[in-house]
Amino acid sequence: ISPVTYLRTMRLNRVRSDLRQRSASTVGDVAARWGFWHPSRFACEYKALFGESPSATRAASLCAA
C-alpha cells in the first residue's frame, strides 16, 4: 500500500467516525474538515471503501440516536 493510499484511508475512516458521532455537521462539512474538497470524488472513494454512501452512514447514525 502506498503512503498516499494509507493516508487517504485513514482520513476516510476519520470521516466515517465523525459522521457517526456529529449530528450538527453536514456530510460536506465533515468531508472538508478532513481535506476532501471535491464532493463527488469523496463520495466515490468513500463508497468504494465502505460499501455505502456517506449520507447513508449519516442517516444510520441519526436513526440509531
N, C-alpha and C. Protein backbone atom coordinates (compact mmCIF):
# COMPACT_ATOMS: atom_id res chain seq x y z
N ILE A 1 0.86 -1.17 0.00
CA ILE A 1 0.00 0.00 0.00
C ILE A 1 0.91 1.24 0.00
N SER A 2 0.56 2.19 -0.83
CA SER A 2 1.38 3.40 -0.92
C SER A 2 1.06 4.34 0.25
N PRO A 3 1.98 5.24 0.57
CA PRO A 3 1.72 6.20 1.65
C PRO A 3 0.48 7.06 1.38
N VAL A 4 0.27 7.44 0.14
CA VAL A 4 -0.89 8.27 -0.20
C VAL A 4 -2.19 7.50 0.04
N THR A 5 -2.22 6.25 -0.37
CA THR A 5 -3.40 5.41 -0.16
C THR A 5 -3.65 5.20 1.33
N TYR A 6 -2.60 4.97 2.07
CA TYR A 6 -2.73 4.79 3.51
C TYR A 6 -3.32 6.04 4.17
N LEU A 7 -2.79 7.20 3.84
CA LEU A 7 -3.29 8.45 4.43
C LEU A 7 -4.74 8.71 4.03
N ARG A 8 -5.09 8.46 2.77
CA ARG A 8 -6.47 8.66 2.33
C ARG A 8 -7.40 7.73 3.10
N THR A 9 -7.00 6.49 3.28
CA THR A 9 -7.81 5.53 4.03
C THR A 9 -7.99 5.97 5.47
N MET A 10 -6.93 6.47 6.08
CA MET A 10 -7.02 6.96 7.46
C MET A 10 -7.99 8.14 7.54
N ARG A 11 -7.90 9.07 6.58
CA ARG A 11 -8.79 10.23 6.58
C ARG A 11 -10.24 9.79 6.36
N LEU A 12 -10.46 8.85 5.45
CA LEU A 12 -11.82 8.35 5.22
C LEU A 12 -12.38 7.68 6.47
N ASN A 13 -11.56 6.97 7.19
CA ASN A 13 -12.01 6.36 8.45
C ASN A 13 -12.37 7.42 9.48
N ARG A 14 -11.65 8.52 9.51
CA ARG A 14 -11.98 9.61 10.45
C ARG A 14 -13.30 10.27 10.04
N VAL A 15 -13.52 10.43 8.74
CA VAL A 15 -14.79 10.97 8.27
C VAL A 15 -15.93 10.06 8.72
N ARG A 16 -15.76 8.77 8.53
CA ARG A 16 -16.81 7.81 8.93
C ARG A 16 -17.09 7.91 10.42
N SER A 17 -16.05 8.00 11.20
CA SER A 17 -16.21 8.13 12.65
C SER A 17 -16.98 9.42 12.99
N ASP A 18 -16.60 10.52 12.36
CA ASP A 18 -17.28 11.79 12.62
C ASP A 18 -18.73 11.75 12.16
N LEU A 19 -19.00 11.13 11.02
CA LEU A 19 -20.38 11.05 10.54
C LEU A 19 -21.25 10.26 11.51
N ARG A 20 -20.68 9.31 12.17
CA ARG A 20 -21.44 8.52 13.14
C ARG A 20 -21.66 9.27 14.45
N GLN A 21 -20.85 10.28 14.75
CA GLN A 21 -20.93 10.96 16.03
C GLN A 21 -21.53 12.35 15.98
N ARG A 22 -21.26 13.12 14.97
CA ARG A 22 -21.65 14.53 14.94
C ARG A 22 -22.98 14.71 14.23
N SER A 23 -23.98 15.10 14.96
CA SER A 23 -25.29 15.25 14.35
C SER A 23 -25.51 16.65 13.76
N ALA A 24 -24.74 17.64 14.17
CA ALA A 24 -24.94 19.01 13.70
C ALA A 24 -24.20 19.31 12.40
N SER A 25 -23.17 18.58 12.08
CA SER A 25 -22.36 18.85 10.89
C SER A 25 -22.96 18.14 9.68
N THR A 26 -22.85 18.79 8.53
CA THR A 26 -23.29 18.15 7.29
C THR A 26 -22.19 17.21 6.80
N VAL A 27 -22.55 16.35 5.86
CA VAL A 27 -21.56 15.45 5.27
C VAL A 27 -20.45 16.27 4.62
N GLY A 28 -20.83 17.32 3.91
CA GLY A 28 -19.84 18.18 3.25
C GLY A 28 -18.90 18.84 4.24
N ASP A 29 -19.43 19.29 5.36
CA ASP A 29 -18.59 19.92 6.39
C ASP A 29 -17.58 18.93 6.96
N VAL A 30 -18.04 17.73 7.24
CA VAL A 30 -17.15 16.71 7.79
C VAL A 30 -16.08 16.34 6.77
N ALA A 31 -16.48 16.16 5.52
CA ALA A 31 -15.51 15.82 4.47
C ALA A 31 -14.47 16.92 4.33
N ALA A 32 -14.90 18.15 4.32
CA ALA A 32 -13.96 19.28 4.19
C ALA A 32 -13.03 19.35 5.39
N ARG A 33 -13.54 19.05 6.56
CA ARG A 33 -12.72 19.08 7.77
C ARG A 33 -11.53 18.12 7.63
N TRP A 34 -11.73 17.03 6.90
CA TRP A 34 -10.67 16.03 6.72
C TRP A 34 -9.97 16.15 5.38
N GLY A 35 -10.17 17.28 4.69
CA GLY A 35 -9.40 17.58 3.48
C GLY A 35 -9.95 17.05 2.18
N PHE A 36 -11.21 16.68 2.14
CA PHE A 36 -11.84 16.24 0.90
C PHE A 36 -12.63 17.41 0.33
N TRP A 37 -12.12 17.98 -0.75
CA TRP A 37 -12.69 19.21 -1.30
C TRP A 37 -13.61 18.98 -2.48
N HIS A 38 -13.56 17.81 -3.10
CA HIS A 38 -14.39 17.50 -4.26
C HIS A 38 -15.46 16.50 -3.84
N PRO A 39 -16.70 16.97 -3.67
CA PRO A 39 -17.76 16.10 -3.13
C PRO A 39 -17.98 14.80 -3.91
N SER A 40 -17.98 14.86 -5.22
CA SER A 40 -18.26 13.63 -5.97
C SER A 40 -17.11 12.63 -5.86
N ARG A 41 -15.90 13.13 -5.89
CA ARG A 41 -14.74 12.24 -5.74
C ARG A 41 -14.70 11.63 -4.34
N PHE A 42 -14.98 12.48 -3.35
CA PHE A 42 -15.04 12.00 -1.97
C PHE A 42 -16.09 10.89 -1.84
N ALA A 43 -17.29 11.12 -2.38
CA ALA A 43 -18.37 10.14 -2.26
C ALA A 43 -17.99 8.81 -2.93
N CYS A 44 -17.33 8.88 -4.08
CA CYS A 44 -16.90 7.66 -4.78
C CYS A 44 -15.86 6.89 -3.97
N GLU A 45 -14.89 7.60 -3.42
CA GLU A 45 -13.84 6.95 -2.61
C GLU A 45 -14.43 6.36 -1.34
N TYR A 46 -15.36 7.08 -0.72
CA TYR A 46 -16.00 6.61 0.50
C TYR A 46 -16.79 5.33 0.23
N LYS A 47 -17.60 5.36 -0.84
CA LYS A 47 -18.41 4.19 -1.16
C LYS A 47 -17.55 3.00 -1.56
N ALA A 48 -16.45 3.24 -2.24
CA ALA A 48 -15.56 2.15 -2.62
C ALA A 48 -14.96 1.47 -1.39
N LEU A 49 -14.66 2.26 -0.35
CA LEU A 49 -14.04 1.71 0.85
C LEU A 49 -15.06 1.06 1.78
N PHE A 50 -16.22 1.70 1.96
CA PHE A 50 -17.17 1.24 2.98
C PHE A 50 -18.42 0.56 2.44
N GLY A 51 -18.65 0.63 1.13
CA GLY A 51 -19.80 -0.04 0.55
C GLY A 51 -21.13 0.67 0.76
N GLU A 52 -21.09 1.90 1.21
CA GLU A 52 -22.29 2.72 1.36
C GLU A 52 -21.91 4.18 1.18
N SER A 53 -22.89 5.00 0.87
CA SER A 53 -22.61 6.41 0.68
C SER A 53 -22.41 7.11 2.03
N PRO A 54 -21.73 8.25 2.02
CA PRO A 54 -21.58 8.99 3.27
C PRO A 54 -22.93 9.39 3.88
N SER A 55 -23.88 9.73 3.04
CA SER A 55 -25.19 10.11 3.56
C SER A 55 -25.92 8.92 4.19
N ALA A 56 -25.67 7.71 3.69
CA ALA A 56 -26.26 6.53 4.32
C ALA A 56 -25.66 6.30 5.71
N THR A 57 -24.38 6.53 5.85
CA THR A 57 -23.74 6.42 7.16
C THR A 57 -24.35 7.44 8.12
N ARG A 58 -24.51 8.67 7.63
CA ARG A 58 -25.11 9.74 8.44
C ARG A 58 -26.53 9.38 8.84
N ALA A 59 -27.30 8.91 7.89
CA ALA A 59 -28.70 8.56 8.18
C ALA A 59 -28.80 7.43 9.21
N ALA A 60 -27.95 6.45 9.08
CA ALA A 60 -27.96 5.33 10.03
C ALA A 60 -27.62 5.81 11.44
N SER A 61 -26.68 6.74 11.54
CA SER A 61 -26.31 7.25 12.86
C SER A 61 -27.42 8.09 13.47
N LEU A 62 -28.17 8.81 12.64
CA LEU A 62 -29.27 9.63 13.15
C LEU A 62 -30.44 8.76 13.59
N CYS A 63 -30.66 7.66 12.88
CA CYS A 63 -31.75 6.75 13.25
C CYS A 63 -31.44 6.01 14.53
N ALA A 64 -30.16 5.73 14.76
CA ALA A 64 -29.74 4.99 15.94
C ALA A 64 -29.76 5.86 17.20
N ALA A 65 -29.71 7.17 17.00
CA ALA A 65 -29.65 8.07 18.16
C ALA A 65 -30.98 8.28 18.81
